[in-house]
């Protein structure tokens, strides 16, 4: 049984989407199977979009923290 889209990593979702697109482009699937694959693809796209938006929000929050003080990184020699 396929994992739910929300349980897949972003990379796993992209890989599965590529597979679905390849199958649909071949045109050798029945209409029912094509619809099921299309529906799965839509769910994967929506979940992937949500993950990207969450990542973007996290980056934005990290970059806008007022109390974050950045100092140059130096390597101590032995």
Protein backbone atom coordinates (compact mmCIF):
# COMPACT_ATOMS: atom_id res chain seq x y z
CA UNK A 1 0.00 0.00 0.00
CA UNK A 2 1.31 3.45 -0.90
CA UNK A 3 2.16 5.82 1.92
CA UNK A 4 -0.04 8.80 2.54
CA UNK A 5 1.38 11.95 0.92
CA UNK A 6 1.80 13.63 4.30
CA UNK A 7 4.08 10.77 5.43
CA UNK A 8 6.46 11.14 2.49
CA UNK A 9 9.47 13.41 2.39
CA UNK A 10 9.52 16.17 -0.18
CA UNK A 11 12.04 14.22 -2.25
CA UNK A 12 9.97 11.03 -2.10
CA UNK A 13 6.93 12.96 -3.27
CA UNK A 14 8.84 14.36 -6.25
CA UNK A 15 10.10 10.92 -7.21
CA UNK A 16 6.60 9.48 -7.08
CA UNK A 17 5.22 12.41 -9.07
CA UNK A 18 7.83 11.80 -11.78
CA UNK A 19 6.76 8.15 -11.94
CA UNK A 20 3.08 9.07 -12.19
CA UNK A 21 3.75 11.58 -14.97
CA UNK A 22 5.80 9.01 -16.90
CA UNK A 23 2.98 6.44 -16.67
CA UNK A 24 0.35 8.95 -17.73
CA UNK A 25 2.47 10.20 -20.64
CA UNK A 26 2.80 6.66 -21.98
CA UNK A 27 -0.97 6.57 -22.41
CA UNK A 28 -1.16 2.83 -21.80
CA UNK A 29 -3.23 2.97 -18.60
CA UNK A 30 -6.98 2.58 -18.40
CA UNK A 31 -9.12 5.62 -17.74
CA UNK A 32 -9.87 4.47 -14.19
CA UNK A 33 -6.18 3.94 -13.41
CA UNK A 34 -5.28 7.26 -15.02
CA UNK A 35 -7.83 9.05 -12.85
CA UNK A 36 -6.53 7.34 -9.71
CA UNK A 37 -2.95 8.24 -10.57
CA UNK A 38 -3.96 11.81 -11.39
CA UNK A 39 -5.76 12.10 -8.04
CA UNK A 40 -2.70 10.75 -6.23
CA UNK A 41 -0.52 13.22 -8.11
CA UNK A 42 -2.72 16.14 -7.09
CA UNK A 43 -2.52 15.07 -3.44
CA UNK A 44 1.28 14.80 -3.70
CA UNK A 45 1.54 18.25 -5.30
CA UNK A 46 -0.61 19.85 -2.62
CA UNK A 47 1.35 18.23 0.19
CA UNK A 48 4.66 19.18 -1.42
CA UNK A 49 3.46 22.77 -1.81
CA UNK A 50 2.55 22.87 1.88
CA UNK A 51 5.99 21.54 2.85
CA UNK A 52 7.69 24.19 0.71
CA UNK A 53 5.58 26.93 2.28
CA UNK A 54 6.46 25.67 5.78
CA UNK A 55 10.15 25.66 4.91
CA UNK A 56 9.89 29.16 3.49
CA UNK A 57 8.18 30.39 6.67
CA UNK A 58 10.88 28.82 8.85
CA UNK A 59 13.64 30.48 6.82
CA UNK A 60 11.83 33.81 6.97
CA UNK A 61 11.44 33.54 10.74
CA UNK A 62 15.09 32.64 11.19
CA UNK A 63 16.26 35.54 9.05
CA UNK A 64 14.01 38.06 10.81
CA UNK A 65 14.79 37.22 14.42
CA UNK A 66 15.63 40.54 16.08
CA UNK A 67 17.71 39.09 18.87
CA UNK A 68 19.91 37.00 16.61
CA UNK A 69 23.47 38.22 16.62
CA UNK A 70 25.71 37.09 13.82
CA UNK A 71 29.44 36.93 14.42
CA UNK A 72 32.16 35.98 11.95
CA UNK A 73 33.24 32.39 12.10
CA UNK A 74 36.92 31.86 12.75
CA UNK A 75 38.89 28.66 12.76
CA UNK A 76 41.25 28.21 15.66
CA UNK A 77 44.59 26.82 14.62
CA UNK A 78 46.21 24.14 16.74
